[in-house]
Amino acid sequence: MKYLLIEVVERDISAPEFFDTYTEAYDRMCEYVAQVCDVSVDDLRYGLSELGDFDDNVCVRKNCAWATRYGTNFDWKIFEV
């Protein structure tokens, strides 16, 4: 089984990325979210409630994530393929 990660910024769909494991796809998704939020991946995973004013605009779940930053909407989704 493979995993596919899709990123959408506003309505612009990025090229999909394929991963051999769910963990690889999830880690990559978290890297993208952390980059958008300008925090470390560890801060994102373990301390969202302590990161300041953007935490209401960020959500990371098992197979998806979204963020609103600087008026731009970011969305990520992991699919099993």
PDB file of N, CA and C in Angstrom:
ATOM      1  N   MET A   1       0.834  -1.173   0.000  1.00  0.00           N
ATOM      2  CA  MET A   1       0.000   0.000   0.000  1.00  0.00           C
ATOM      3  C   MET A   1       0.884   1.244   0.000  1.00  0.00           C
ATOM      4  N   LYS A   2       0.488   2.240  -0.755  1.00  0.00           N
ATOM      5  CA  LYS A   2       1.187   3.524  -0.829  1.00  0.00           C
ATOM      6  C   LYS A   2       0.274   4.613  -0.279  1.00  0.00           C
ATOM      7  N   TYR A   3       0.875   5.762  -0.024  1.00  0.00           N
ATOM      8  CA  TYR A   3       0.130   6.906   0.498  1.00  0.00           C
ATOM      9  C   TYR A   3       0.437   8.123  -0.361  1.00  0.00           C
ATOM     10  N   LEU A   4      -0.595   8.899  -0.601  1.00  0.00           N
ATOM     11  CA  LEU A   4      -0.523  10.074  -1.457  1.00  0.00           C
ATOM     12  C   LEU A   4      -0.834  11.298  -0.617  1.00  0.00           C
ATOM     13  N   LEU A   5       0.008  12.328  -0.723  1.00  0.00           N
ATOM     14  CA  LEU A   5      -0.217  13.581  -0.014  1.00  0.00           C
ATOM     15  C   LEU A   5      -0.495  14.670  -1.040  1.00  0.00           C
ATOM     16  N   ILE A   6      -1.611  15.347  -0.849  1.00  0.00           N
ATOM     17  CA  ILE A   6      -2.009  16.465  -1.715  1.00  0.00           C
ATOM     18  C   ILE A   6      -1.979  17.745  -0.885  1.00  0.00           C
ATOM     19  N   GLU A   7      -1.460  18.806  -1.476  1.00  0.00           N
ATOM     20  CA  GLU A   7      -1.479  20.123  -0.848  1.00  0.00           C
ATOM     21  C   GLU A   7      -2.263  21.077  -1.746  1.00  0.00           C
ATOM     22  N   VAL A   8      -3.149  21.861  -1.151  1.00  0.00           N
ATOM     23  CA  VAL A   8      -3.904  22.880  -1.880  1.00  0.00           C
ATOM     24  C   VAL A   8      -3.704  24.211  -1.169  1.00  0.00           C
ATOM     25  N   VAL A   9      -3.255  25.199  -1.915  1.00  0.00           N
ATOM     26  CA  VAL A   9      -3.099  26.551  -1.389  1.00  0.00           C
ATOM     27  C   VAL A   9      -4.090  27.404  -2.169  1.00  0.00           C
ATOM     28  N   GLU A  10      -5.094  27.891  -1.421  1.00  0.00           N
ATOM     29  CA  GLU A  10      -6.253  28.512  -2.046  1.00  0.00           C
ATOM     30  C   GLU A  10      -6.832  27.470  -3.005  1.00  0.00           C
ATOM     31  N   ARG A  11      -6.885  27.706  -4.284  1.00  0.00           N
ATOM     32  CA  ARG A  11      -7.429  26.693  -5.201  1.00  0.00           C
ATOM     33  C   ARG A  11      -6.347  26.070  -6.065  1.00  0.00           C
ATOM     34  N   ASP A  12      -5.094  26.343  -5.749  1.00  0.00           N
ATOM     35  CA  ASP A  12      -3.969  25.824  -6.514  1.00  0.00           C
ATOM     36  C   ASP A  12      -3.538  24.483  -5.931  1.00  0.00           C
ATOM     37  N   ILE A  13      -3.742  23.416  -6.693  1.00  0.00           N
ATOM     38  CA  ILE A  13      -3.422  22.062  -6.239  1.00  0.00           C
ATOM     39  C   ILE A  13      -1.990  21.736  -6.646  1.00  0.00           C
ATOM     40  N   SER A  14      -1.158  21.406  -5.661  1.00  0.00           N
ATOM     41  CA  SER A  14       0.234  21.049  -5.925  1.00  0.00           C
ATOM     42  C   SER A  14       0.330  19.639  -6.482  1.00  0.00           C
ATOM     43  N   ALA A  15       1.471  19.337  -7.058  1.00  0.00           N
ATOM     44  CA  ALA A  15       1.711  17.976  -7.551  1.00  0.00           C
ATOM     45  C   ALA A  15       1.656  17.016  -6.371  1.00  0.00           C
ATOM     46  N   PRO A  16       1.025  15.868  -6.533  1.00  0.00           N
ATOM     47  CA  PRO A  16       0.937  14.909  -5.422  1.00  0.00           C
ATOM     48  C   PRO A  16       2.304  14.301  -5.108  1.00  0.00           C
ATOM     49  N   GLU A  17       2.467  13.933  -3.853  1.00  0.00           N
ATOM     50  CA  GLU A  17       3.679  13.245  -3.411  1.00  0.00           C
ATOM     51  C   GLU A  17       3.289  11.850  -2.947  1.00  0.00           C
ATOM     52  N   PHE A  18       4.073  10.847  -3.319  1.00  0.00           N
ATOM     53  CA  PHE A  18       3.809   9.469  -2.939  1.00  0.00           C
ATOM     54  C   PHE A  18       4.804   9.010  -1.879  1.00  0.00           C
ATOM     55  N   PHE A  19       4.310   8.211  -0.930  1.00  0.00           N
ATOM     56  CA  PHE A  19       5.138   7.693   0.158  1.00  0.00           C
ATOM     57  C   PHE A  19       4.861   6.210   0.342  1.00  0.00           C
ATOM     58  N   ASP A  20       5.858   5.490   0.808  1.00  0.00           N
ATOM     59  CA  ASP A  20       5.705   4.057   1.053  1.00  0.00           C
ATOM     60  C   ASP A  20       4.956   3.758   2.342  1.00  0.00           C
ATOM     61  N   THR A  21       5.013   4.680   3.302  1.00  0.00           N
ATOM     62  CA  THR A  21       4.346   4.437   4.583  1.00  0.00           C
ATOM     63  C   THR A  21       3.492   5.642   4.971  1.00  0.00           C
ATOM     64  N   TYR A  22       2.506   5.376   5.793  1.00  0.00           N
ATOM     65  CA  TYR A  22       1.658   6.440   6.326  1.00  0.00           C
ATOM     66  C   TYR A  22       2.504   7.423   7.137  1.00  0.00           C
ATOM     67  N   THR A  23       3.433   6.918   7.931  1.00  0.00           N
ATOM     68  CA  THR A  23       4.259   7.777   8.787  1.00  0.00           C
ATOM     69  C   THR A  23       5.057   8.772   7.966  1.00  0.00           C
ATOM     70  N   GLU A  24       5.596   8.327   6.843  1.00  0.00           N
ATOM     71  CA  GLU A  24       6.337   9.248   5.978  1.00  0.00           C
ATOM     72  C   GLU A  24       5.424  10.355   5.447  1.00  0.00           C
ATOM     73  N   ALA A  25       4.227   9.994   5.025  1.00  0.00           N
ATOM     74  CA  ALA A  25       3.279  10.979   4.511  1.00  0.00           C
ATOM     75  C   ALA A  25       2.856  11.944   5.616  1.00  0.00           C
ATOM     76  N   TYR A  26       2.565  11.413   6.789  1.00  0.00           N
ATOM     77  CA  TYR A  26       2.143  12.257   7.909  1.00  0.00           C
ATOM     78  C   TYR A  26       3.266  13.215   8.326  1.00  0.00           C
ATOM     79  N   ASP A  27       4.486  12.701   8.397  1.00  0.00           N
ATOM     80  CA  ASP A  27       5.616  13.552   8.769  1.00  0.00           C
ATOM     81  C   ASP A  27       5.811  14.687   7.762  1.00  0.00           C
ATOM     82  N   ARG A  28       5.665  14.367   6.478  1.00  0.00           N
ATOM     83  CA  ARG A  28       5.814  15.394   5.448  1.00  0.00           C
ATOM     84  C   ARG A  28       4.703  16.438   5.576  1.00  0.00           C
ATOM     85  N   MET A  29       3.483  15.988   5.829  1.00  0.00           N
ATOM     86  CA  MET A  29       2.370  16.911   6.018  1.00  0.00           C
ATOM     87  C   MET A  29       2.666  17.851   7.189  1.00  0.00           C
ATOM     88  N   CYS A  30       3.153  17.308   8.290  1.00  0.00           N
ATOM     89  CA  CYS A  30       3.492  18.128   9.461  1.00  0.00           C
ATOM     90  C   CYS A  30       4.605  19.119   9.139  1.00  0.00           C
ATOM     91  N   GLU A  31       5.567  18.720   8.307  1.00  0.00           N
ATOM     92  CA  GLU A  31       6.628  19.641   7.889  1.00  0.00           C
ATOM     93  C   GLU A  31       6.044  20.832   7.139  1.00  0.00           C
ATOM     94  N   TYR A  32       5.104  20.572   6.236  1.00  0.00           N
ATOM     95  CA  TYR A  32       4.467  21.650   5.490  1.00  0.00           C
ATOM     96  C   TYR A  32       3.703  22.594   6.420  1.00  0.00           C
ATOM     97  N   VAL A  33       2.938  22.037   7.325  1.00  0.00           N
ATOM     98  CA  VAL A  33       2.152  22.863   8.246  1.00  0.00           C
ATOM     99  C   VAL A  33       3.097  23.711   9.109  1.00  0.00           C
ATOM    100  N   ALA A  34       4.139  23.104   9.624  1.00  0.00           N
ATOM    101  CA  ALA A  34       5.095  23.837  10.457  1.00  0.00           C
ATOM    102  C   ALA A  34       5.756  24.960   9.669  1.00  0.00           C
ATOM    103  N   GLN A  35       6.065  24.693   8.411  1.00  0.00           N
ATOM    104  CA  GLN A  35       6.677  25.718   7.573  1.00  0.00           C
ATOM    105  C   GLN A  35       5.723  26.892   7.374  1.00  0.00           C
ATOM    106  N   VAL A  36       4.467  26.607   7.083  1.00  0.00           N
ATOM    107  CA  VAL A  36       3.470  27.660   6.894  1.00  0.00           C
ATOM    108  C   VAL A  36       3.305  28.477   8.176  1.00  0.00           C
ATOM    109  N   CYS A  37       3.328  27.808   9.319  1.00  0.00           N
ATOM    110  CA  CYS A  37       3.101  28.476  10.610  1.00  0.00           C
ATOM    111  C   CYS A  37       4.372  29.037  11.221  1.00  0.00           C
ATOM    112  N   ASP A  38       5.503  28.790  10.559  1.00  0.00           N
ATOM    113  CA  ASP A  38       6.797  29.282  11.027  1.00  0.00           C
ATOM    114  C   ASP A  38       7.116  28.799  12.441  1.00  0.00           C
ATOM    115  N   VAL A  39       6.933  27.494  12.655  1.00  0.00           N
ATOM    116  CA  VAL A  39       7.271  26.847  13.922  1.00  0.00           C
ATOM    117  C   VAL A  39       8.022  25.560  13.620  1.00  0.00           C
ATOM    118  N   SER A  40       8.588  24.952  14.642  1.00  0.00           N
ATOM    119  CA  SER A  40       9.233  23.659  14.448  1.00  0.00           C
ATOM    120  C   SER A  40       8.163  22.566  14.385  1.00  0.00           C
ATOM    121  N   VAL A  41       8.514  21.441  13.798  1.00  0.00           N
ATOM    122  CA  VAL A  41       7.581  20.315  13.718  1.00  0.00           C
ATOM    123  C   VAL A  41       7.219  19.831  15.118  1.00  0.00           C
ATOM    124  N   ASP A  42       8.183  19.792  16.022  1.00  0.00           N
ATOM    125  CA  ASP A  42       7.896  19.364  17.396  1.00  0.00           C
ATOM    126  C   ASP A  42       6.919  20.306  18.084  1.00  0.00           C
ATOM    127  N   ASP A  43       7.101  21.619  17.895  1.00  0.00           N
ATOM    128  CA  ASP A  43       6.154  22.577  18.474  1.00  0.00           C
ATOM    129  C   ASP A  43       4.755  22.353  17.913  1.00  0.00           C
ATOM    130  N   LEU A  44       4.689  22.080  16.635  1.00  0.00           N
ATOM    131  CA  LEU A  44       3.393  21.851  16.002  1.00  0.00           C
ATOM    132  C   LEU A  44       2.707  20.629  16.590  1.00  0.00           C
ATOM    133  N   ARG A  45       3.429  19.546  16.734  1.00  0.00           N
ATOM    134  CA  ARG A  45       2.850  18.292  17.219  1.00  0.00           C
ATOM    135  C   ARG A  45       2.482  18.344  18.693  1.00  0.00           C
ATOM    136  N   TYR A  46       3.308  19.017  19.493  1.00  0.00           N
ATOM    137  CA  TYR A  46       3.164  18.889  20.943  1.00  0.00           C
ATOM    138  C   TYR A  46       2.721  20.150  21.655  1.00  0.00           C
ATOM    139  N   GLY A  47       2.612  21.295  20.942  1.00  0.00           N
ATOM    140  CA  GLY A  47       2.311  22.503  21.685  1.00  0.00           C
ATOM    141  C   GLY A  47       1.451  23.519  20.966  1.00  0.00           C
ATOM    142  N   LEU A  48       0.542  23.066  20.121  1.00  0.00           N
ATOM    143  CA  LEU A  48      -0.270  24.029  19.377  1.00  0.00           C
ATOM    144  C   LEU A  48      -0.953  25.043  20.282  1.00  0.00           C
ATOM    145  N   SER A  49      -1.456  24.618  21.422  1.00  0.00           N
ATOM    146  CA  SER A  49      -2.197  25.535  22.279  1.00  0.00           C
ATOM    147  C   SER A  49      -1.308  26.616  22.884  1.00  0.00           C
ATOM    148  N   GLU A  50       0.010  26.437  22.814  1.00  0.00           N
ATOM    149  CA  GLU A  50       0.927  27.406  23.406  1.00  0.00           C
ATOM    150  C   GLU A  50       1.654  28.247  22.361  1.00  0.00           C
ATOM    151  N   LEU A  51       1.252  28.145  21.098  1.00  0.00           N
ATOM    152  CA  LEU A  51       2.027  28.797  20.050  1.00  0.00           C
ATOM    153  C   LEU A  51       1.563  30.193  19.695  1.00  0.00           C
ATOM    154  N   GLY A  52       0.564  30.696  20.334  1.00  0.00           N
ATOM    155  CA  GLY A  52       0.180  32.070  20.075  1.00  0.00           C
ATOM    156  C   GLY A  52      -1.113  32.192  19.291  1.00  0.00           C
ATOM    157  N   ASP A  53      -1.235  33.313  18.589  1.00  0.00           N
ATOM    158  CA  ASP A  53      -2.519  33.688  18.026  1.00  0.00           C
ATOM    159  C   ASP A  53      -2.964  32.872  16.823  1.00  0.00           C
ATOM    160  N   PHE A  54      -2.108  32.076  16.217  1.00  0.00           N
ATOM    161  CA  PHE A  54      -2.554  31.342  15.035  1.00  0.00           C
ATOM    162  C   PHE A  54      -3.170  29.991  15.360  1.00  0.00           C
ATOM    163  N   ASP A  55      -3.135  29.534  16.603  1.00  0.00           N
ATOM    164  CA  ASP A  55      -3.545  28.165  16.880  1.00  0.00           C
ATOM    165  C   ASP A  55      -5.019  27.899  16.597  1.00  0.00           C
ATOM    166  N   ASP A  56      -5.858  28.919  16.576  1.00  0.00           N
ATOM    167  CA  ASP A  56      -7.257  28.721  16.202  1.00  0.00           C
ATOM    168  C   ASP A  56      -7.417  28.525  14.703  1.00  0.00           C
ATOM    169  N   ASN A  57      -6.393  28.846  13.950  1.00  0.00           N
ATOM    170  CA  ASN A  57      -6.440  28.750  12.497  1.00  0.00           C
ATOM    171  C   ASN A  57      -5.635  27.578  11.950  1.00  0.00           C
ATOM    172  N   VAL A  58      -5.271  26.644  12.824  1.00  0.00           N
ATOM    173  CA  VAL A  58      -4.467  25.495  12.421  1.00  0.00           C
ATOM    174  C   VAL A  58      -5.072  24.237  13.011  1.00  0.00           C
ATOM    175  N   CYS A  59      -5.161  23.201  12.192  1.00  0.00           N
ATOM    176  CA  CYS A  59      -5.648  21.909  12.676  1.00  0.00           C
ATOM    177  C   CYS A  59      -4.868  20.804  11.986  1.00  0.00           C
ATOM    178  N   VAL A  60      -4.352  19.862  12.766  1.00  0.00           N
ATOM    179  CA  VAL A  60      -3.654  18.701  12.228  1.00  0.00           C
ATOM    180  C   VAL A  60      -4.370  17.473  12.747  1.00  0.00           C
ATOM    181  N   ARG A  61      -4.835  16.653  11.838  1.00  0.00           N
ATOM    182  CA  ARG A  61      -5.529  15.422  12.187  1.00  0.00           C
ATOM    183  C   ARG A  61      -4.785  14.232  11.620  1.00  0.00           C
ATOM    184  N   LYS A  62      -5.376  13.062  11.778  1.00  0.00           N
ATOM    185  CA  LYS A  62      -4.723  11.823  11.362  1.00  0.00           C
ATOM    186  C   LYS A  62      -4.393  11.799   9.863  1.00  0.00           C
ATOM    187  N   ASN A  63      -5.317  12.252   9.029  1.00  0.00           N
ATOM    188  CA  ASN A  63      -5.066  12.155   7.589  1.00  0.00           C
ATOM    189  C   ASN A  63      -5.282  13.485   6.855  1.00  0.00           C
ATOM    190  N   CYS A  64      -5.381  14.583   7.607  1.00  0.00           N
ATOM    191  CA  CYS A  64      -5.547  15.875   6.956  1.00  0.00           C
ATOM    192  C   CYS A  64      -5.089  16.989   7.896  1.00  0.00           C
ATOM    193  N   ALA A  65      -4.885  18.158   7.296  1.00  0.00           N
ATOM    194  CA  ALA A  65      -4.511  19.340   8.077  1.00  0.00           C
ATOM    195  C   ALA A  65      -4.939  20.569   7.301  1.00  0.00           C
ATOM    196  N   TRP A  66      -5.128  21.672   8.024  1.00  0.00           N
ATOM    197  CA  TRP A  66      -5.418  22.932   7.361  1.00  0.00           C
ATOM    198  C   TRP A  66      -4.906  24.062   8.211  1.00  0.00           C
ATOM    199  N   ALA A  67      -4.653  25.173   7.545  1.00  0.00           N
ATOM    200  CA  ALA A  67      -4.165  26.366   8.228  1.00  0.00           C
ATOM    201  C   ALA A  67      -4.581  27.590   7.432  1.00  0.00           C
ATOM    202  N   THR A  68      -4.787  28.679   8.132  1.00  0.00           N
ATOM    203  CA  THR A  68      -4.999  29.972   7.505  1.00  0.00           C
ATOM    204  C   THR A  68      -3.909  30.880   8.038  1.00  0.00           C
ATOM    205  N   ARG A  69      -3.135  31.433   7.135  1.00  0.00           N
ATOM    206  CA  ARG A  69      -2.011  32.270   7.529  1.00  0.00           C
ATOM    207  C   ARG A  69      -1.899  33.415   6.550  1.00  0.00           C
ATOM    208  N   TYR A  70      -1.805  34.635   7.064  1.00  0.00           N
ATOM    209  CA  TYR A  70      -1.661  35.825   6.229  1.00  0.00           C
ATOM    210  C   TYR A  70      -2.785  35.920   5.192  1.00  0.00           C
ATOM    211  N   GLY A  71      -3.993  35.462   5.563  1.00  0.00           N
ATOM    212  CA  GLY A  71      -5.134  35.536   4.670  1.00  0.00           C
ATOM    213  C   GLY A  71      -5.166  34.467   3.590  1.00  0.00           C
ATOM    214  N   THR A  72      -4.265  33.507   3.659  1.00  0.00           N
ATOM    215  CA  THR A  72      -4.183  32.435   2.669  1.00  0.00           C
ATOM    216  C   THR A  72      -4.588  31.121   3.328  1.00  0.00           C
ATOM    217  N   ASN A  73      -5.395  30.339   2.625  1.00  0.00           N
ATOM    218  CA  ASN A  73      -5.849  29.038   3.127  1.00  0.00           C
ATOM    219  C   ASN A  73      -4.965  27.921   2.572  1.00  0.00           C
ATOM    220  N   PHE A  74      -4.517  27.047   3.473  1.00  0.00           N
ATOM    221  CA  PHE A  74      -3.689  25.900   3.127  1.00  0.00           C
ATOM    222  C   PHE A  74      -4.416  24.637   3.577  1.00  0.00           C
ATOM    223  N   ASP A  75      -4.421  23.615   2.736  1.00  0.00           N
ATOM    224  CA  ASP A  75      -5.053  22.339   3.068  1.00  0.00           C
ATOM    225  C   ASP A  75      -4.154  21.195   2.612  1.00  0.00           C
ATOM    226  N   TRP A  76      -4.136  20.122   3.427  1.00  0.00           N
ATOM    227  CA  TRP A  76      -3.370  18.919   3.088  1.00  0.00           C
ATOM    228  C   TRP A  76      -4.253  17.714   3.357  1.00  0.00           C
ATOM    229  N   LYS A  77      -4.078  16.668   2.546  1.00  0.00           N
ATOM    230  CA  LYS A  77      -4.861  15.443   2.726  1.00  0.00           C
ATOM    231  C   LYS A  77      -4.003  14.253   2.331  1.00  0.00           C
ATOM    232  N   ILE A  78      -4.056  13.205   3.160  1.00  0.00           N
ATOM    233  CA  ILE A  78      -3.351  11.952   2.883  1.00  0.00           C
ATOM    234  C   ILE A  78      -4.389  10.931   2.441  1.00  0.00           C
ATOM    235  N   PHE A  79      -4.096  10.247   1.333  1.00  0.00           N
ATOM    236  CA  PHE A  79      -4.962   9.194   0.799  1.00  0.00           C
ATOM    237  C   PHE A  79      -4.196   7.882   0.733  1.00  0.00           C
ATOM    238  N   GLU A  80      -4.872   6.787   1.019  1.00  0.00           N
ATOM    239  CA  GLU A  80      -4.316   5.460   0.761  1.00  0.00           C
ATOM    240  C   GLU A  80      -4.527   5.118  -0.704  1.00  0.00           C
ATOM    241  N   VAL A  81      -3.499   4.635  -1.359  1.00  0.00           N
ATOM    242  CA  VAL A  81      -3.651   4.210  -2.763  1.00  0.00           C
ATOM    243  C   VAL A  81      -3.062   2.830  -2.962  1.00  0.00           C
TER     244      VAL A  81
END
